[in-house]
Structure formats: C-alpha cells, structure tokens
Amino acid sequence: MTGMMHRAGVNHRDCYICHFLLHTDRPVTPEGLKLSVIDLHRAQTRPKITQRWRNKDLAALYFSALDIGLTRRDKLRFLKGYFQQPLRQILAEEGALLAWLEGKAEKLYARKQRYGDAL
C-alpha cells in the first residue's frame, strides 16, 4: 500500500504502522483483507515524490514496526511488494537505502526509549 501511494505521488508524512487500519467488521481472510490508510491531513501530493520524502516515510514506517515481531521474511516481502522487483535486484540496487533506513529507525527507536511517545 505504501508503494502504491508513493508511485501515485503521495507521501504521508506521518507514515507509522498505527495509521494503517485493518478492517475487522468481518472475518479477516487473505481474500477479504481490507486495509485503509488513515490520518492523511499532513499528506502531500505531487507528480512524483522526492527521494527525501519517500525515505522519511519508509524510515517512519520501519521504526513504528520494530516492536511487532517482524521476521526477516516479513521485511523481504515488504521490500518485494514496495519496489516490485526481484529481491536480488532490490538488495543490490537499494543496499545504501536499506542501511540508511536501519540506522534511522534505530535512532528514532533510541529517542523513543529516552523520551517516550513525545517524538
């Protein structure tokens, strides 16, 4: 969903996992999965989002998902869905971005540990 938003020229600016609403009004199944993005009041639209805003959204999303028990497989699935490329290509071409995201998420997490939710 984040990849679709970014490819459509929308960056969220508050792209945290809590801003993805999983609809549970009926049983959640792979076929009937319904997910919505909420809290879009700060979102920006443009013909193409800049790398800066893409990276900020991705870092915020990754940081906000650090404590939910993601596996390596979960992360790789996200990357494959987001970039819509084979994993080998993503890991080769986006290695610098992935390292930066890891570092940024760790910094945000450390800050949250010091100051709580008042980021």
PDB file of N, CA and C in Angstrom:
ATOM      1  N   MET A   1       0.825  -1.188   0.000  1.00  0.00           N
ATOM      2  CA  MET A   1       0.000   0.000   0.000  1.00  0.00           C
ATOM      3  C   MET A   1       0.876   1.261   0.000  1.00  0.00           C
ATOM      4  N   THR A   2       1.949   1.240   0.780  1.00  0.00           N
ATOM      5  CA  THR A   2       2.847   2.395   0.808  1.00  0.00           C
ATOM      6  C   THR A   2       3.491   2.606  -0.556  1.00  0.00           C
ATOM      7  N   GLY A   3       3.880   1.530  -1.194  1.00  0.00           N
ATOM      8  CA  GLY A   3       4.460   1.630  -2.528  1.00  0.00           C
ATOM      9  C   GLY A   3       3.482   2.220  -3.528  1.00  0.00           C
ATOM     10  N   MET A   4       2.229   1.795  -3.454  1.00  0.00           N
ATOM     11  CA  MET A   4       1.208   2.345  -4.364  1.00  0.00           C
ATOM     12  C   MET A   4       1.032   3.835  -4.125  1.00  0.00           C
ATOM     13  N   MET A   5       0.994   4.239  -2.852  1.00  0.00           N
ATOM     14  CA  MET A   5       0.871   5.669  -2.540  1.00  0.00           C
ATOM     15  C   MET A   5       2.042   6.449  -3.132  1.00  0.00           C
ATOM     16  N   HIS A   6       3.243   5.955  -2.889  1.00  0.00           N
ATOM     17  CA  HIS A   6       4.427   6.660  -3.373  1.00  0.00           C
ATOM     18  C   HIS A   6       4.471   6.703  -4.894  1.00  0.00           C
ATOM     19  N   ARG A   7       4.129   5.604  -5.551  1.00  0.00           N
ATOM     20  CA  ARG A   7       4.119   5.605  -7.020  1.00  0.00           C
ATOM     21  C   ARG A   7       3.055   6.550  -7.572  1.00  0.00           C
ATOM     22  N   ALA A   8       2.010   6.805  -6.786  1.00  0.00           N
ATOM     23  CA  ALA A   8       0.950   7.729  -7.205  1.00  0.00           C
ATOM     24  C   ALA A   8       1.282   9.182  -6.856  1.00  0.00           C
ATOM     25  N   GLY A   9       2.446   9.415  -6.224  1.00  0.00           N
ATOM     26  CA  GLY A   9       2.855  10.777  -5.902  1.00  0.00           C
ATOM     27  C   GLY A   9       2.366  11.273  -4.555  1.00  0.00           C
ATOM     28  N   VAL A  10       2.010  10.369  -3.654  1.00  0.00           N
ATOM     29  CA  VAL A  10       1.516  10.750  -2.325  1.00  0.00           C
ATOM     30  C   VAL A  10       2.525  10.309  -1.277  1.00  0.00           C
ATOM     31  N   ASN A  11       2.965  11.248  -0.442  1.00  0.00           N
ATOM     32  CA  ASN A  11       3.739  10.861   0.738  1.00  0.00           C
ATOM     33  C   ASN A  11       2.935  11.247   1.973  1.00  0.00           C
ATOM     34  N   HIS A  12       2.974  10.392   2.970  1.00  0.00           N
ATOM     35  CA  HIS A  12       2.092  10.513   4.129  1.00  0.00           C
ATOM     36  C   HIS A  12       2.565  11.574   5.124  1.00  0.00           C
ATOM     37  N   ARG A  13       3.845  11.613   5.399  1.00  0.00           N
ATOM     38  CA  ARG A  13       4.488  12.499   6.374  1.00  0.00           C
ATOM     39  C   ARG A  13       4.278  12.056   7.815  1.00  0.00           C
ATOM     40  N   ASP A  14       3.366  11.152   8.084  1.00  0.00           N
ATOM     41  CA  ASP A  14       3.194  10.510   9.392  1.00  0.00           C
ATOM     42  C   ASP A  14       3.006   9.019   9.146  1.00  0.00           C
ATOM     43  N   CYS A  15       3.905   8.438   8.397  1.00  0.00           N
ATOM     44  CA  CYS A  15       3.730   7.069   7.911  1.00  0.00           C
ATOM     45  C   CYS A  15       4.149   6.061   8.988  1.00  0.00           C
ATOM     46  N   TYR A  16       3.279   5.893   9.962  1.00  0.00           N
ATOM     47  CA  TYR A  16       3.503   4.932  11.043  1.00  0.00           C
ATOM     48  C   TYR A  16       2.507   3.798  10.888  1.00  0.00           C
ATOM     49  N   ILE A  17       2.869   2.643  11.408  1.00  0.00           N
ATOM     50  CA  ILE A  17       2.018   1.471  11.238  1.00  0.00           C
ATOM     51  C   ILE A  17       0.632   1.685  11.859  1.00  0.00           C
ATOM     52  N   CYS A  18       0.534   2.541  12.866  1.00  0.00           N
ATOM     53  CA  CYS A  18      -0.767   2.798  13.502  1.00  0.00           C
ATOM     54  C   CYS A  18      -1.710   3.575  12.581  1.00  0.00           C
ATOM     55  N   HIS A  19      -1.210   4.077  11.460  1.00  0.00           N
ATOM     56  CA  HIS A  19      -2.056   4.791  10.506  1.00  0.00           C
ATOM     57  C   HIS A  19      -2.537   3.906   9.364  1.00  0.00           C
ATOM     58  N   PHE A  20      -2.391   2.597   9.548  1.00  0.00           N
ATOM     59  CA  PHE A  20      -2.953   1.615   8.622  1.00  0.00           C
ATOM     60  C   PHE A  20      -4.047   0.885   9.382  1.00  0.00           C
ATOM     61  N   LEU A  21      -5.262   1.003   8.906  1.00  0.00           N
ATOM     62  CA  LEU A  21      -6.426   0.447   9.589  1.00  0.00           C
ATOM     63  C   LEU A  21      -6.818  -0.874   8.944  1.00  0.00           C
ATOM     64  N   LEU A  22      -6.744  -1.942   9.733  1.00  0.00           N
ATOM     65  CA  LEU A  22      -7.189  -3.254   9.280  1.00  0.00           C
ATOM     66  C   LEU A  22      -8.658  -3.385   9.641  1.00  0.00           C
ATOM     67  N   HIS A  23      -9.499  -3.531   8.644  1.00  0.00           N
ATOM     68  CA  HIS A  23     -10.937  -3.633   8.876  1.00  0.00           C
ATOM     69  C   HIS A  23     -11.267  -5.022   9.411  1.00  0.00           C
ATOM     70  N   THR A  24     -11.936  -5.052  10.554  1.00  0.00           N
ATOM     71  CA  THR A  24     -12.277  -6.329  11.193  1.00  0.00           C
ATOM     72  C   THR A  24     -13.779  -6.482  11.380  1.00  0.00           C
ATOM     73  N   ASP A  25     -14.563  -5.744  10.590  1.00  0.00           N
ATOM     74  CA  ASP A  25     -16.013  -5.844  10.712  1.00  0.00           C
ATOM     75  C   ASP A  25     -16.520  -7.190  10.199  1.00  0.00           C
ATOM     76  N   ARG A  26     -15.696  -7.905   9.456  1.00  0.00           N
ATOM     77  CA  ARG A  26     -15.984  -9.285   9.059  1.00  0.00           C
ATOM     78  C   ARG A  26     -14.685 -10.065   9.235  1.00  0.00           C
ATOM     79  N   PRO A  27     -14.757 -11.384   9.227  1.00  0.00           N
ATOM     80  CA  PRO A  27     -13.528 -12.159   9.452  1.00  0.00           C
ATOM     81  C   PRO A  27     -12.419 -11.778   8.462  1.00  0.00           C
ATOM     82  N   VAL A  28     -11.218 -11.653   8.983  1.00  0.00           N
ATOM     83  CA  VAL A  28     -10.074 -11.288   8.159  1.00  0.00           C
ATOM     84  C   VAL A  28      -9.541 -12.556   7.489  1.00  0.00           C
ATOM     85  N   THR A  29      -9.569 -12.555   6.178  1.00  0.00           N
ATOM     86  CA  THR A  29      -9.052 -13.670   5.385  1.00  0.00           C
ATOM     87  C   THR A  29      -8.137 -13.102   4.308  1.00  0.00           C
ATOM     88  N   PRO A  30      -7.247 -13.912   3.759  1.00  0.00           N
ATOM     89  CA  PRO A  30      -6.391 -13.403   2.680  1.00  0.00           C
ATOM     90  C   PRO A  30      -7.195 -12.843   1.507  1.00  0.00           C
ATOM     91  N   GLU A  31      -8.330 -13.455   1.209  1.00  0.00           N
ATOM     92  CA  GLU A  31      -9.147 -12.989   0.085  1.00  0.00           C
ATOM     93  C   GLU A  31      -9.938 -11.730   0.431  1.00  0.00           C
ATOM     94  N   GLY A  32     -10.332 -11.597   1.690  1.00  0.00           N
ATOM     95  CA  GLY A  32     -11.185 -10.483   2.083  1.00  0.00           C
ATOM     96  C   GLY A  32     -10.475  -9.423   2.894  1.00  0.00           C
ATOM     97  N   LEU A  33      -9.162  -9.361   2.798  1.00  0.00           N
ATOM     98  CA  LEU A  33      -8.388  -8.393   3.561  1.00  0.00           C
ATOM     99  C   LEU A  33      -8.700  -6.977   3.091  1.00  0.00           C
ATOM    100  N   LYS A  34      -9.038  -6.110   4.032  1.00  0.00           N
ATOM    101  CA  LYS A  34      -9.299  -4.711   3.694  1.00  0.00           C
ATOM    102  C   LYS A  34      -8.454  -3.845   4.613  1.00  0.00           C
ATOM    103  N   LEU A  35      -7.638  -3.009   4.009  1.00  0.00           N
ATOM    104  CA  LEU A  35      -6.718  -2.154   4.728  1.00  0.00           C
ATOM    105  C   LEU A  35      -6.895  -0.732   4.219  1.00  0.00           C
ATOM    106  N   SER A  36      -6.942   0.228   5.138  1.00  0.00           N
ATOM    107  CA  SER A  36      -7.074   1.637   4.756  1.00  0.00           C
ATOM    108  C   SER A  36      -5.947   2.441   5.388  1.00  0.00           C
ATOM    109  N   VAL A  37      -5.552   3.501   4.712  1.00  0.00           N
ATOM    110  CA  VAL A  37      -4.598   4.451   5.272  1.00  0.00           C
ATOM    111  C   VAL A  37      -5.417   5.566   5.906  1.00  0.00           C
ATOM    112  N   ILE A  38      -5.072   5.920   7.130  1.00  0.00           N
ATOM    113  CA  ILE A  38      -5.816   6.962   7.841  1.00  0.00           C
ATOM    114  C   ILE A  38      -4.871   8.104   8.221  1.00  0.00           C
ATOM    115  N   ASP A  39      -5.445   9.162   8.743  1.00  0.00           N
ATOM    116  CA  ASP A  39      -4.711  10.319   9.236  1.00  0.00           C
ATOM    117  C   ASP A  39      -3.886  10.965   8.118  1.00  0.00           C
ATOM    118  N   LEU A  40      -4.578  11.319   7.064  1.00  0.00           N
ATOM    119  CA  LEU A  40      -3.915  11.860   5.873  1.00  0.00           C
ATOM    120  C   LEU A  40      -3.850  13.390   5.847  1.00  0.00           C
ATOM    121  N   HIS A  41      -4.137  14.049   6.966  1.00  0.00           N
ATOM    122  CA  HIS A  41      -4.207  15.512   6.934  1.00  0.00           C
ATOM    123  C   HIS A  41      -2.864  16.176   6.618  1.00  0.00           C
ATOM    124  N   ARG A  42      -1.744  15.498   6.836  1.00  0.00           N
ATOM    125  CA  ARG A  42      -0.438  16.076   6.515  1.00  0.00           C
ATOM    126  C   ARG A  42       0.133  15.549   5.200  1.00  0.00           C
ATOM    127  N   ALA A  43      -0.586  14.660   4.540  1.00  0.00           N
ATOM    128  CA  ALA A  43      -0.085  14.062   3.301  1.00  0.00           C
ATOM    129  C   ALA A  43       0.129  15.125   2.230  1.00  0.00           C
ATOM    130  N   GLN A  44       1.085  14.855   1.365  1.00  0.00           N
ATOM    131  CA  GLN A  44       1.381  15.747   0.247  1.00  0.00           C
ATOM    132  C   GLN A  44       1.213  14.970  -1.052  1.00  0.00           C
ATOM    133  N   THR A  45       0.766  15.668  -2.074  1.00  0.00           N
ATOM    134  CA  THR A  45       0.681  15.044  -3.397  1.00  0.00           C
ATOM    135  C   THR A  45       1.477  15.887  -4.380  1.00  0.00           C
ATOM    136  N   ARG A  46       2.087  15.201  -5.298  1.00  0.00           N
ATOM    137  CA  ARG A  46       2.873  15.841  -6.352  1.00  0.00           C
ATOM    138  C   ARG A  46       2.982  14.836  -7.487  1.00  0.00           C
ATOM    139  N   PRO A  47       3.398  15.258  -8.659  1.00  0.00           N
ATOM    140  CA  PRO A  47       3.506  14.296  -9.768  1.00  0.00           C
ATOM    141  C   PRO A  47       4.414  13.106  -9.424  1.00  0.00           C
ATOM    142  N   LYS A  48       5.496  13.372  -8.691  1.00  0.00           N
ATOM    143  CA  LYS A  48       6.419  12.310  -8.283  1.00  0.00           C
ATOM    144  C   LYS A  48       7.013  12.718  -6.943  1.00  0.00           C
ATOM    145  N   ILE A  49       6.948  11.834  -5.952  1.00  0.00           N
ATOM    146  CA  ILE A  49       7.504  12.222  -4.657  1.00  0.00           C
ATOM    147  C   ILE A  49       9.019  12.234  -4.731  1.00  0.00           C
ATOM    148  N   THR A  50       9.604  13.082  -3.923  1.00  0.00           N
ATOM    149  CA  THR A  50      11.058  13.166  -3.894  1.00  0.00           C
ATOM    150  C   THR A  50      11.616  12.001  -3.086  1.00  0.00           C
ATOM    151  N   GLN A  51      12.865  11.713  -3.335  1.00  0.00           N
ATOM    152  CA  GLN A  51      13.538  10.640  -2.605  1.00  0.00           C
ATOM    153  C   GLN A  51      13.552  10.944  -1.107  1.00  0.00           C
ATOM    154  N   ARG A  52      13.717  12.205  -0.760  1.00  0.00           N
ATOM    155  CA  ARG A  52      13.740  12.608   0.652  1.00  0.00           C
ATOM    156  C   ARG A  52      12.457  12.200   1.357  1.00  0.00           C
ATOM    157  N   TRP A  53      11.291  12.511   0.759  1.00  0.00           N
ATOM    158  CA  TRP A  53      10.020  12.188   1.404  1.00  0.00           C
ATOM    159  C   TRP A  53       9.737  10.694   1.368  1.00  0.00           C
ATOM    160  N   ARG A  54      10.141  10.029   0.303  1.00  0.00           N
ATOM    161  CA  ARG A  54      10.000   8.569   0.254  1.00  0.00           C
ATOM    162  C   ARG A  54      10.782   7.939   1.404  1.00  0.00           C
ATOM    163  N   ASN A  55      12.027   8.373   1.562  1.00  0.00           N
ATOM    164  CA  ASN A  55      12.881   7.797   2.595  1.00  0.00           C
ATOM    165  C   ASN A  55      12.362   8.093   3.994  1.00  0.00           C
ATOM    166  N   LYS A  56      11.858   9.308   4.203  1.00  0.00           N
ATOM    167  CA  LYS A  56      11.299   9.653   5.517  1.00  0.00           C
ATOM    168  C   LYS A  56      10.085   8.785   5.837  1.00  0.00           C
ATOM    169  N   ASP A  57       9.199   8.601   4.870  1.00  0.00           N
ATOM    170  CA  ASP A  57       8.034   7.733   5.083  1.00  0.00           C
ATOM    171  C   ASP A  57       8.470   6.309   5.403  1.00  0.00           C
ATOM    172  N   LEU A  58       9.417   5.777   4.632  1.00  0.00           N
ATOM    173  CA  LEU A  58       9.865   4.400   4.851  1.00  0.00           C
ATOM    174  C   LEU A  58      10.546   4.243   6.208  1.00  0.00           C
ATOM    175  N   ALA A  59      11.351   5.218   6.605  1.00  0.00           N
ATOM    176  CA  ALA A  59      12.017   5.149   7.908  1.00  0.00           C
ATOM    177  C   ALA A  59      10.998   5.187   9.044  1.00  0.00           C
ATOM    178  N   ALA A  60      10.015   6.055   8.930  1.00  0.00           N
ATOM    179  CA  ALA A  60       8.984   6.145   9.969  1.00  0.00           C
ATOM    180  C   ALA A  60       8.186   4.852  10.060  1.00  0.00           C
ATOM    181  N   LEU A  61       7.843   4.290   8.918  1.00  0.00           N
ATOM    182  CA  LEU A  61       7.084   3.040   8.911  1.00  0.00           C
ATOM    183  C   LEU A  61       7.901   1.914   9.528  1.00  0.00           C
ATOM    184  N   TYR A  62       9.156   1.811   9.152  1.00  0.00           N
ATOM    185  CA  TYR A  62      10.012   0.752   9.702  1.00  0.00           C
ATOM    186  C   TYR A  62      10.192   0.937  11.206  1.00  0.00           C
ATOM    187  N   PHE A  63      10.501   2.151  11.642  1.00  0.00           N
ATOM    188  CA  PHE A  63      10.643   2.431  13.071  1.00  0.00           C
ATOM    189  C   PHE A  63       9.398   2.016  13.840  1.00  0.00           C
ATOM    190  N   SER A  64       8.234   2.350  13.310  1.00  0.00           N
ATOM    191  CA  SER A  64       6.989   2.075  14.033  1.00  0.00           C
ATOM    192  C   SER A  64       6.653   0.590  14.070  1.00  0.00           C
ATOM    193  N   ALA A  65       7.319  -0.204  13.244  1.00  0.00           N
ATOM    194  CA  ALA A  65       7.052  -1.644  13.203  1.00  0.00           C
ATOM    195  C   ALA A  65       8.132  -2.459  13.917  1.00  0.00           C
ATOM    196  N   LEU A  66       9.100  -1.801  14.541  1.00  0.00           N
ATOM    197  CA  LEU A  66      10.208  -2.534  15.156  1.00  0.00           C
ATOM    198  C   LEU A  66       9.766  -3.487  16.261  1.00  0.00           C
ATOM    199  N   ASP A  67       8.744  -3.146  17.002  1.00  0.00           N
ATOM    200  CA  ASP A  67       8.330  -3.961  18.154  1.00  0.00           C
ATOM    201  C   ASP A  67       7.168  -4.902  17.877  1.00  0.00           C
ATOM    202  N   ILE A  68       6.833  -5.157  16.624  1.00  0.00           N
ATOM    203  CA  ILE A  68       5.668  -6.011  16.365  1.00  0.00           C
ATOM    204  C   ILE A  68       6.044  -7.435  15.977  1.00  0.00           C
ATOM    205  N   GLY A  69       7.329  -7.747  16.056  1.00  0.00           N
ATOM    206  CA  GLY A  69       7.752  -9.116  15.797  1.00  0.00           C
ATOM    207  C   GLY A  69       7.951  -9.473  14.336  1.00  0.00           C
ATOM    208  N   LEU A  70       8.345  -8.506  13.531  1.00  0.00           N
ATOM    209  CA  LEU A  70       8.591  -8.795  12.120  1.00  0.00           C
ATOM    210  C   LEU A  70       9.761  -9.760  11.970  1.00  0.00           C
ATOM    211  N   THR A  71       9.604 -10.706  11.075  1.00  0.00           N
ATOM    212  CA  THR A  71      10.691 -11.626  10.764  1.00  0.00           C
ATOM    213  C   THR A  71      11.464 -11.094   9.562  1.00  0.00           C
ATOM    214  N   ARG A  72      12.601 -11.697   9.296  1.00  0.00           N
ATOM    215  CA  ARG A  72      13.372 -11.332   8.098  1.00  0.00           C
ATOM    216  C   ARG A  72      12.507 -11.543   6.862  1.00  0.00           C
ATOM    217  N   ARG A  73      11.757 -12.630   6.854  1.00  0.00           N
ATOM    218  CA  ARG A  73      10.879 -12.923   5.713  1.00  0.00           C
ATOM    219  C   ARG A  73       9.836 -11.821   5.535  1.00  0.00           C
ATOM    220  N   ASP A  74       9.249 -11.343   6.644  1.00  0.00           N
ATOM    221  CA  ASP A  74       8.267 -10.252   6.567  1.00  0.00           C
ATOM    222  C   ASP A  74       8.881  -9.016   5.911  1.00  0.00           C
ATOM    223  N   LYS A  75      10.096  -8.678   6.332  1.00  0.00           N
ATOM    224  CA  LYS A  75      10.768  -7.491   5.786  1.00  0.00           C
ATOM    225  C   LYS A  75      11.051  -7.659   4.296  1.00  0.00           C
ATOM    226  N   LEU A  76      11.496  -8.846   3.906  1.00  0.00           N
ATOM    227  CA  LEU A  76      11.785  -9.097   2.492  1.00  0.00           C
ATOM    228  C   LEU A  76      10.514  -9.054   1.656  1.00  0.00           C
ATOM    229  N   ARG A  77       9.418  -9.570   2.206  1.00  0.00           N
ATOM    230  CA  ARG A  77       8.130  -9.489   1.488  1.00  0.00           C
ATOM    231  C   ARG A  77       7.718  -8.038   1.278  1.00  0.00           C
ATOM    232  N   PHE A  78       7.900  -7.226   2.316  1.00  0.00           N
ATOM    233  CA  PHE A  78       7.570  -5.809   2.171  1.00  0.00           C
ATOM    234  C   PHE A  78       8.401  -5.185   1.053  1.00  0.00           C
ATOM    235  N   LEU A  79       9.701  -5.424   1.072  1.00  0.00           N
ATOM    236  CA  LEU A  79      10.578  -4.840   0.054  1.00  0.00           C
ATOM    237  C   LEU A  79      10.170  -5.267  -1.348  1.00  0.00           C
ATOM    238  N   LYS A  80       9.853  -6.538  -1.505  1.00  0.00           N
ATOM    239  CA  LYS A  80       9.446  -7.050  -2.821  1.00  0.00           C
ATOM    240  C   LYS A  80       8.149  -6.380  -3.278  1.00  0.00           C
ATOM    241  N   GLY A  81       7.192  -6.220  -2.368  1.00  0.00           N
ATOM    242  CA  GLY A  81       5.938  -5.552  -2.712  1.00  0.00           C
ATOM    243  C   GLY A  81       6.124  -4.069  -2.955  1.00  0.00           C
ATOM    244  N   TYR A  82       6.962  -3.438  -2.158  1.00  0.00           N
ATOM    245  CA  TYR A  82       7.167  -1.999  -2.289  1.00  0.00           C
ATOM    246  C   TYR A  82       7.875  -1.657  -3.600  1.00  0.00           C
ATOM    247  N   PHE A  83       8.994  -2.310  -3.862  1.00  0.00           N
ATOM    248  CA  PHE A  83       9.796  -1.974  -5.043  1.00  0.00           C
ATOM    249  C   PHE A  83       9.323  -2.677  -6.311  1.00  0.00           C
ATOM    250  N   GLN A  84       8.538  -3.729  -6.162  1.00  0.00           N
ATOM    251  CA  GLN A  84       8.020  -4.503  -7.297  1.00  0.00           C
ATOM    252  C   GLN A  84       9.142  -4.955  -8.230  1.00  0.00           C
ATOM    253  N   GLN A  85      10.171  -5.506  -7.620  1.00  0.00           N
ATOM    254  CA  GLN A  85      11.322  -6.031  -8.349  1.00  0.00           C
ATOM    255  C   GLN A  85      11.759  -7.324  -7.670  1.00  0.00           C
ATOM    256  N   PRO A  86      12.573  -8.132  -8.344  1.00  0.00           N
ATOM    257  CA  PRO A  86      13.120  -9.327  -7.686  1.00  0.00           C
ATOM    258  C   PRO A  86      13.997  -8.927  -6.498  1.00  0.00           C
ATOM    259  N   LEU A  87      13.990  -9.741  -5.456  1.00  0.00           N
ATOM    260  CA  LEU A  87      14.736  -9.411  -4.239  1.00  0.00           C
ATOM    261  C   LEU A  87      16.225  -9.206  -4.502  1.00  0.00           C
ATOM    262  N   ARG A  88      16.814 -10.034  -5.328  1.00  0.00           N
ATOM    263  CA  ARG A  88      18.251  -9.871  -5.621  1.00  0.00           C
ATOM    264  C   ARG A  88      18.531  -8.478  -6.178  1.00  0.00           C
ATOM    265  N   GLN A  89      17.670  -8.010  -7.032  1.00  0.00           N
ATOM    266  CA  GLN A  89      17.842  -6.686  -7.634  1.00  0.00           C
ATOM    267  C   GLN A  89      17.666  -5.594  -6.579  1.00  0.00           C
ATOM    268  N   ILE A  90      16.655  -5.742  -5.734  1.00  0.00           N
ATOM    269  CA  ILE A  90      16.418  -4.752  -4.672  1.00  0.00           C
ATOM    270  C   ILE A  90      17.628  -4.668  -3.752  1.00  0.00           C
ATOM    271  N   LEU A  91      18.105  -5.821  -3.288  1.00  0.00           N
ATOM    272  CA  LEU A  91      19.222  -5.836  -2.347  1.00  0.00           C
ATOM    273  C   LEU A  91      20.492  -5.277  -2.981  1.00  0.00           C
ATOM    274  N   ALA A  92      20.672  -5.501  -4.273  1.00  0.00           N
ATOM    275  CA  ALA A  92      21.849  -4.969  -4.967  1.00  0.00           C
ATOM    276  C   ALA A  92      21.731  -3.465  -5.202  1.00  0.00           C
ATOM    277  N   GLU A  93      20.564  -3.016  -5.633  1.00  0.00           N
ATOM    278  CA  GLU A  93      20.397  -1.612  -6.027  1.00  0.00           C
ATOM    279  C   GLU A  93      20.042  -0.687  -4.872  1.00  0.00           C
ATOM    280  N   GLU A  94      19.412  -1.213  -3.840  1.00  0.00           N
ATOM    281  CA  GLU A  94      18.923  -0.365  -2.752  1.00  0.00           C
ATOM    282  C   GLU A  94      19.661  -0.609  -1.435  1.00  0.00           C
ATOM    283  N   GLY A  95      20.832  -1.227  -1.504  1.00  0.00           N
ATOM    284  CA  GLY A  95      21.591  -1.537  -0.290  1.00  0.00           C
ATOM    285  C   GLY A  95      21.875  -0.315   0.566  1.00  0.00           C
ATOM    286  N   ALA A  96      22.282   0.778  -0.061  1.00  0.00           N
ATOM    287  CA  ALA A  96      22.587   2.002   0.694  1.00  0.00           C
ATOM    288  C   ALA A  96      21.333   2.535   1.385  1.00  0.00           C
ATOM    289  N   LEU A  97      20.208   2.524   0.679  1.00  0.00           N
ATOM    290  CA  LEU A  97      18.948   2.975   1.279  1.00  0.00           C
ATOM    291  C   LEU A  97      18.573   2.082   2.455  1.00  0.00           C
ATOM    292  N   LEU A  98      18.675   0.777   2.290  1.00  0.00           N
ATOM    293  CA  LEU A  98      18.290  -0.146   3.356  1.00  0.00           C
ATOM    294  C   LEU A  98      19.164   0.041   4.590  1.00  0.00           C
ATOM    295  N   ALA A  99      20.456   0.269   4.393  1.00  0.00           N
ATOM    296  CA  ALA A  99      21.351   0.534   5.526  1.00  0.00           C
ATOM    297  C   ALA A  99      20.970   1.843   6.210  1.00  0.00           C
ATOM    298  N   TRP A 100      20.652   2.872   5.418  1.00  0.00           N
ATOM    299  CA  TRP A 100      20.248   4.156   5.992  1.00  0.00           C
ATOM    300  C   TRP A 100      18.953   4.001   6.787  1.00  0.00           C
ATOM    301  N   LEU A 101      17.989   3.254   6.231  1.00  0.00           N
ATOM    302  CA  LEU A 101      16.713   3.042   6.923  1.00  0.00           C
ATOM    303  C   LEU A 101      16.928   2.345   8.255  1.00  0.00           C
ATOM    304  N   GLU A 102      17.784   1.350   8.264  1.00  0.00           N
ATOM    305  CA  GLU A 102      18.085   0.630   9.505  1.00  0.00           C
ATOM    306  C   GLU A 102      18.648   1.589  10.553  1.00  0.00           C
ATOM    307  N   GLY A 103      19.615   2.412  10.147  1.00  0.00           N
ATOM    308  CA  GLY A 103      20.216   3.367  11.074  1.00  0.00           C
ATOM    309  C   GLY A 103      19.232   4.413  11.553  1.00  0.00           C
ATOM    310  N   LYS A 104      18.428   4.945  10.650  1.00  0.00           N
ATOM    311  CA  LYS A 104      17.439   5.970  11.016  1.00  0.00           C
ATOM    312  C   LYS A 104      16.404   5.403  11.972  1.00  0.00           C
ATOM    313  N   ALA A 105      15.922   4.194  11.691  1.00  0.00           N
ATOM    314  CA  ALA A 105      14.929   3.564  12.565  1.00  0.00           C
ATOM    315  C   ALA A 105      15.519   3.329  13.953  1.00  0.00           C
ATOM    316  N   GLU A 106      16.776   2.907  14.012  1.00  0.00           N
ATOM    317  CA  GLU A 106      17.423   2.694  15.312  1.00  0.00           C
ATOM    318  C   GLU A 106      17.542   3.999  16.086  1.00  0.00           C
ATOM    319  N   LYS A 107      17.878   5.095  15.404  1.00  0.00           N
ATOM    320  CA  LYS A 107      17.967   6.400  16.071  1.00  0.00           C
ATOM    321  C   LYS A 107      16.603   6.837  16.604  1.00  0.00           C
ATOM    322  N   LEU A 108      15.568   6.676  15.795  1.00  0.00           N
ATOM    323  CA  LEU A 108      14.216   7.032  16.246  1.00  0.00           C
ATOM    324  C   LEU A 108      13.804   6.176  17.434  1.00  0.00           C
ATOM    325  N   TYR A 109      14.139   4.898  17.389  1.00  0.00           N
ATOM    326  CA  TYR A 109      13.786   3.985  18.474  1.00  0.00           C
ATOM    327  C   TYR A 109      14.519   4.379  19.760  1.00  0.00           C
ATOM    328  N   ALA A 110      15.795   4.705  19.659  1.00  0.00           N
ATOM    329  CA  ALA A 110      16.562   5.127  20.836  1.00  0.00           C
ATOM    330  C   ALA A 110      15.974   6.406  21.420  1.00  0.00           C
ATOM    331  N   ARG A 111      15.591   7.315  20.558  1.00  0.00           N
ATOM    332  CA  ARG A 111      14.976   8.564  21.031  1.00  0.00           C
ATOM    333  C   ARG A 111      13.660   8.280  21.745  1.00  0.00           C
ATOM    334  N   LYS A 112      12.873   7.357  21.198  1.00  0.00           N
ATOM    335  CA  LYS A 112      11.607   6.997  21.844  1.00  0.00           C
ATOM    336  C   LYS A 112      11.863   6.387  23.216  1.00  0.00           C
ATOM    337  N   GLN A 113      12.910   5.595  23.337  1.00  0.00           N
ATOM    338  CA  GLN A 113      13.232   4.992  24.627  1.00  0.00           C
ATOM    339  C   GLN A 113      13.597   6.064  25.658  1.00  0.00           C
ATOM    340  N   ARG A 114      14.268   7.126  25.202  1.00  0.00           N
ATOM    341  CA  ARG A 114      14.649   8.208  26.118  1.00  0.00           C
ATOM    342  C   ARG A 114      13.477   9.108  26.490  1.00  0.00           C
ATOM    343  N   TYR A 115      12.661   9.470  25.501  1.00  0.00           N
ATOM    344  CA  TYR A 115      11.639  10.490  25.709  1.00  0.00           C
ATOM    345  C   TYR A 115      10.207   9.975  25.684  1.00  0.00           C
ATOM    346  N   GLY A 116      10.011   8.709  25.441  1.00  0.00           N
ATOM    347  CA  GLY A 116       8.659   8.173  25.357  1.00  0.00           C
ATOM    348  C   GLY A 116       8.025   8.504  24.026  1.00  0.00           C
ATOM    349  N   ASP A 117       6.706   8.574  24.013  1.00  0.00           N
ATOM    350  CA  ASP A 117       5.972   8.786  22.765  1.00  0.00           C
ATOM    351  C   ASP A 117       5.987  10.232  22.290  1.00  0.00           C
ATOM    352  N   ALA A 118       6.615  11.127  23.017  1.00  0.00           N
ATOM    353  CA  ALA A 118       6.641  12.544  22.638  1.00  0.00           C
ATOM    354  C   ALA A 118       7.746  12.789  21.614  1.00  0.00           C
ATOM    355  N   LEU A 119       7.624  12.171  20.449  1.00  0.00           N
ATOM    356  CA  LEU A 119       8.611  12.387  19.390  1.00  0.00           C
ATOM    357  C   LEU A 119       8.268  13.671  18.699  1.00  0.00           C
TER     358      LEU A 119
END
